[in-house]
C-alpha atoms as a PDB file:
ATOM      1  CA  UNK A   1    -376.377-150.990  -8.931  1.00  0.00           C
ATOM      2  CA  UNK A   2    -375.543-154.688  -9.273  1.00  0.00           C
ATOM      3  CA  UNK A   3    -372.081-156.088  -8.642  1.00  0.00           C
ATOM      4  CA  UNK A   4    -370.389-157.328 -11.845  1.00  0.00           C
ATOM      5  CA  UNK A   5    -369.760-161.064 -11.928  1.00  0.00           C
ATOM      6  CA  UNK A   6    -366.525-162.875 -11.291  1.00  0.00           C
ATOM      7  CA  UNK A   7    -365.756-164.970 -14.388  1.00  0.00           C
ATOM      8  CA  UNK A   8    -363.696-168.157 -14.144  1.00  0.00           C
ATOM      9  CA  UNK A   9    -362.297-169.156 -17.523  1.00  0.00           C
ATOM     10  CA  UNK A  10    -361.528-172.824 -18.095  1.00  0.00           C
ATOM     11  CA  UNK A  11    -359.463-173.286 -21.247  1.00  0.00           C
ATOM     12  CA  UNK A  12    -359.921-176.629 -22.963  1.00  0.00           C
ATOM     13  CA  UNK A  13    -359.595-179.589 -20.622  1.00  0.00           C
ATOM     14  CA  UNK A  14    -356.967-177.975 -18.393  1.00  0.00           C
ATOM     15  CA  UNK A  15    -357.219-178.310 -14.606  1.00  0.00           C
ATOM     16  CA  UNK A  16    -359.694-175.885 -13.062  1.00  0.00           C
ATOM     17  CA  UNK A  17    -359.754-176.701  -9.349  1.00  0.00           C
ATOM     18  CA  UNK A  18    -357.568-173.794  -8.199  1.00  0.00           C
ATOM     19  CA  UNK A  19    -359.320-171.262 -10.433  1.00  0.00           C
ATOM     20  CA  UNK A  20    -362.745-172.420  -9.249  1.00  0.00           C
ATOM     21  CA  UNK A  21    -361.705-172.244  -5.583  1.00  0.00           C
ATOM     22  CA  UNK A  22    -360.369-168.713  -6.036  1.00  0.00           C
ATOM     23  CA  UNK A  23    -363.382-167.655  -8.122  1.00  0.00           C
ATOM     24  CA  UNK A  24    -365.906-168.901  -5.561  1.00  0.00           C
ATOM     25  CA  UNK A  25    -363.963-167.296  -2.687  1.00  0.00           C
ATOM     26  CA  UNK A  26    -363.735-163.963  -4.498  1.00  0.00           C
ATOM     27  CA  UNK A  27    -367.384-163.993  -5.613  1.00  0.00           C
ATOM     28  CA  UNK A  28    -368.441-164.721  -2.031  1.00  0.00           C
ATOM     29  CA  UNK A  29    -366.233-161.927  -0.699  1.00  0.00           C
ATOM     30  CA  UNK A  30    -367.582-159.424  -3.244  1.00  0.00           C
ATOM     31  CA  UNK A  31    -371.205-160.556  -3.022  1.00  0.00           C
ATOM     32  CA  UNK A  32    -371.032-161.097  -6.787  1.00  0.00           C
ATOM     33  CA  UNK A  33    -372.417-163.814  -9.011  1.00  0.00           C
ATOM     34  CA  UNK A  34    -369.962-166.304 -10.516  1.00  0.00           C
ATOM     35  CA  UNK A  35    -369.906-167.240 -14.178  1.00  0.00           C
ATOM     36  CA  UNK A  36    -367.834-170.261 -15.223  1.00  0.00           C
ATOM     37  CA  UNK A  37    -366.976-170.276 -18.922  1.00  0.00           C
ATOM     38  CA  UNK A  38    -365.565-173.393 -20.574  1.00  0.00           C
ATOM     39  CA  UNK A  39    -363.721-172.225 -23.684  1.00  0.00           C
ATOM     40  CA  UNK A  40    -361.669-173.990 -26.315  1.00  0.00           C
ATOM     41  CA  UNK A  41    -361.795-177.644 -27.317  1.00  0.00           C
ATOM     42  CA  UNK A  42    -362.859-180.283 -24.785  1.00  0.00           C
ATOM     43  CA  UNK A  43    -364.727-183.572 -24.935  1.00  0.00           C
ATOM     44  CA  UNK A  44    -368.190-184.203 -23.537  1.00  0.00           C
ATOM     45  CA  UNK A  45    -366.577-186.262 -20.760  1.00  0.00           C
ATOM     46  CA  UNK A  46    -364.332-183.326 -19.839  1.00  0.00           C
ATOM     47  CA  UNK A  47    -367.353-181.022 -19.812  1.00  0.00           C
ATOM     48  CA  UNK A  48    -369.114-183.430 -17.426  1.00  0.00           C
ATOM     49  CA  UNK A  49    -366.061-183.320 -15.158  1.00  0.00           C
ATOM     50  CA  UNK A  50    -366.248-179.502 -15.175  1.00  0.00           C
ATOM     51  CA  UNK A  51    -369.953-179.635 -14.293  1.00  0.00           C
ATOM     52  CA  UNK A  52    -369.142-181.958 -11.370  1.00  0.00           C
ATOM     53  CA  UNK A  53    -366.384-179.612 -10.125  1.00  0.00           C
ATOM     54  CA  UNK A  54    -368.669-176.581 -10.301  1.00  0.00           C
ATOM     55  CA  UNK A  55    -371.395-178.497  -8.482  1.00  0.00           C
ATOM     56  CA  UNK A  56    -369.013-179.480  -5.661  1.00  0.00           C
ATOM     57  CA  UNK A  57    -367.733-175.917  -5.208  1.00  0.00           C
ATOM     58  CA  UNK A  58    -371.275-174.571  -5.390  1.00  0.00           C
ATOM     59  CA  UNK A  59    -372.168-176.781  -2.432  1.00  0.00           C
ATOM     60  CA  UNK A  60    -369.326-175.226  -0.432  1.00  0.00           C
ATOM     61  CA  UNK A  61    -370.467-171.677  -1.306  1.00  0.00           C
ATOM     62  CA  UNK A  62    -374.289-171.788  -1.307  1.00  0.00           C
ATOM     63  CA  UNK A  63    -374.494-167.975  -1.095  1.00  0.00           C
ATOM     64  CA  UNK A  64    -372.814-167.594  -4.518  1.00  0.00           C
ATOM     65  CA  UNK A  65    -375.138-167.578  -7.515  1.00  0.00           C
ATOM     66  CA  UNK A  66    -373.318-169.540 -10.206  1.00  0.00           C
ATOM     67  CA  UNK A  67    -373.884-170.104 -13.907  1.00  0.00           C
ATOM     68  CA  UNK A  68    -371.934-172.338 -16.261  1.00  0.00           C
ATOM     69  CA  UNK A  69    -371.582-172.024 -19.992  1.00  0.00           C
ATOM     70  CA  UNK A  70    -369.396-173.750 -22.571  1.00  0.00           C
ATOM     71  CA  UNK A  71    -368.314-172.152 -25.825  1.00  0.00           C
ATOM     72  CA  UNK A  72    -366.244-174.870 -27.419  1.00  0.00           C
ATOM     73  CA  UNK A  73    -366.399-173.914 -31.107  1.00  0.00           C
ATOM     74  CA  UNK A  74    -365.013-170.380 -30.790  1.00  0.00           C
ATOM     75  CA  UNK A  75    -361.387-169.571 -29.940  1.00  0.00           C
ATOM     76  CA  UNK A  76    -360.835-169.533 -26.156  1.00  0.00           C
ATOM     77  CA  UNK A  77    -359.155-166.117 -26.140  1.00  0.00           C
ATOM     78  CA  UNK A  78    -362.001-164.505 -28.092  1.00  0.00           C
ATOM     79  CA  UNK A  79    -364.631-166.167 -25.887  1.00  0.00           C
ATOM     80  CA  UNK A  80    -363.016-165.195 -22.587  1.00  0.00           C
ATOM     81  CA  UNK A  81    -362.082-161.668 -23.702  1.00  0.00           C
ATOM     82  CA  UNK A  82    -365.750-161.153 -24.611  1.00  0.00           C
ATOM     83  CA  UNK A  83    -366.861-162.565 -21.240  1.00  0.00           C
ATOM     84  CA  UNK A  84    -364.494-160.154 -19.481  1.00  0.00           C
ATOM     85  CA  UNK A  85    -366.364-157.147 -20.911  1.00  0.00           C
ATOM     86  CA  UNK A  86    -369.158-157.525 -18.368  1.00  0.00           C
ATOM     87  CA  UNK A  87    -367.031-158.945 -15.534  1.00  0.00           C
ATOM     88  CA  UNK A  88    -365.519-157.408 -12.443  1.00  0.00           C
ATOM     89  CA  UNK A  89    -362.721-160.005 -12.430  1.00  0.00           C
ATOM     90  CA  UNK A  90    -361.500-162.751 -14.761  1.00  0.00           C
ATOM     91  CA  UNK A  91    -359.850-165.742 -13.055  1.00  0.00           C
ATOM     92  CA  UNK A  92    -357.681-168.154 -15.040  1.00  0.00           C
ATOM     93  CA  UNK A  93    -355.578-171.170 -14.120  1.00  0.00           C
ATOM     94  CA  UNK A  94    -351.924-170.808 -15.137  1.00  0.00           C
ATOM     95  CA  UNK A  95    -351.394-172.689 -18.392  1.00  0.00           C
ATOM     96  CA  UNK A  96    -350.658-176.397 -17.996  1.00  0.00           C
ATOM     97  CA  UNK A  97    -349.591-176.710 -21.640  1.00  0.00           C
ATOM     98  CA  UNK A  98    -347.722-174.316 -23.949  1.00  0.00           C
ATOM     99  CA  UNK A  99    -350.928-173.682 -25.914  1.00  0.00           C
ATOM    100  CA  UNK A 100    -352.901-172.821 -22.781  1.00  0.00           C
ATOM    101  CA  UNK A 101    -350.053-170.674 -21.445  1.00  0.00           C
ATOM    102  CA  UNK A 102    -350.126-168.734 -24.727  1.00  0.00           C
ATOM    103  CA  UNK A 103    -353.891-168.246 -24.350  1.00  0.00           C
ATOM    104  CA  UNK A 104    -353.437-166.966 -20.788  1.00  0.00           C
ATOM    105  CA  UNK A 105    -350.726-164.547 -21.987  1.00  0.00           C
ATOM    106  CA  UNK A 106    -353.018-163.312 -24.780  1.00  0.00           C
ATOM    107  CA  UNK A 107    -355.841-162.775 -22.286  1.00  0.00           C
ATOM    108  CA  UNK A 108    -353.506-160.748 -20.063  1.00  0.00           C
ATOM    109  CA  UNK A 109    -353.340-158.300 -22.982  1.00  0.00           C
ATOM    110  CA  UNK A 110    -357.006-158.493 -24.033  1.00  0.00           C
ATOM    111  CA  UNK A 111    -359.014-158.733 -20.810  1.00  0.00           C
ATOM    112  CA  UNK A 112    -361.439-155.846 -20.220  1.00  0.00           C
ATOM    113  CA  UNK A 113    -361.374-156.232 -16.422  1.00  0.00           C
ATOM    114  CA  UNK A 114    -358.974-157.250 -13.691  1.00  0.00           C
ATOM    115  CA  UNK A 115    -357.256-160.588 -14.264  1.00  0.00           C
ATOM    116  CA  UNK A 116    -356.120-163.080 -11.638  1.00  0.00           C
ATOM    117  CA  UNK A 117    -353.890-165.953 -12.733  1.00  0.00           C
ATOM    118  CA  UNK A 118    -353.764-168.782 -10.199  1.00  0.00           C
ATOM    119  CA  UNK A 119    -352.078-172.166  -9.932  1.00  0.00           C
ATOM    120  CA  UNK A 120    -348.860-173.373 -11.448  1.00  0.00           C
ATOM    121  CA  UNK A 121    -345.607-173.563  -9.509  1.00  0.00           C
ATOM    122  CA  UNK A 122    -346.342-171.141  -6.651  1.00  0.00           C
ATOM    123  CA  UNK A 123    -347.904-168.623  -9.039  1.00  0.00           C
ATOM    124  CA  UNK A 124    -350.539-166.155  -7.911  1.00  0.00           C
ATOM    125  CA  UNK A 125    -350.279-163.013  -9.994  1.00  0.00           C
ATOM    126  CA  UNK A 126    -352.689-160.256 -10.800  1.00  0.00           C
ATOM    127  CA  UNK A 127    -352.288-158.439 -14.082  1.00  0.00           C
ATOM    128  CA  UNK A 128    -352.848-154.724 -13.638  1.00  0.00           C
ATOM    129  CA  UNK A 129    -354.135-152.594 -16.482  1.00  0.00           C
ATOM    130  CA  UNK A 130    -353.064-149.055 -17.165  1.00  0.00           C
ATOM    131  CA  UNK A 131    -354.943-146.514 -19.221  1.00  0.00           C
ATOM    132  CA  UNK A 132    -354.544-147.013 -22.928  1.00  0.00           C
ATOM    133  CA  UNK A 133    -354.528-150.797 -22.626  1.00  0.00           C
ATOM    134  CA  UNK A 134    -350.860-151.084 -21.626  1.00  0.00           C
ATOM    135  CA  UNK A 135    -349.977-153.730 -19.084  1.00  0.00           C
ATOM    136  CA  UNK A 136    -348.181-152.885 -15.883  1.00  0.00           C
ATOM    137  CA  UNK A 137    -345.883-155.326 -14.145  1.00  0.00           C
ATOM    138  CA  UNK A 138    -347.743-158.051 -12.264  1.00  0.00           C
ATOM    139  CA  UNK A 139    -349.098-156.920  -8.913  1.00  0.00           C
ATOM    140  CA  UNK A 140    -347.939-158.742  -5.783  1.00  0.00           C
ATOM    141  CA  UNK A 141    -350.252-161.592  -4.814  1.00  0.00           C
ATOM    142  CA  UNK A 142    -353.103-160.661  -2.513  1.00  0.00           C
ATOM    143  CA  UNK A 143    -353.612-157.129  -3.788  1.00  0.00           C
END
């Protein structure tokens, strides 16, 4: 049976360095492929920057099979919630703007797999799901 992928969600043009680092580390640890999904509005220049970041991290983790896709015309929450259906873990950067923070909060309720929120002011939380779709309190970092 194949290992489900780790999905790194990049919302709009928000910073992605911390999420990519965590996603590559976790994919390498699990022996899983990594899927990077650019979601929400971003310019072509911002997409090129994301491609460059993924390329740099891919060079540091040559054992991780990585794919990159951008879905810029569909709502970021819908896109990333759909991507989480086939994932073993969804990794997101803590929201840098109020809009992105709202998207991250919405994904904490809608993700179909484990969710790791990284970055921000000393934030490293894992959202834990309970049966019935209810959210538990955030798990301590590192669990």
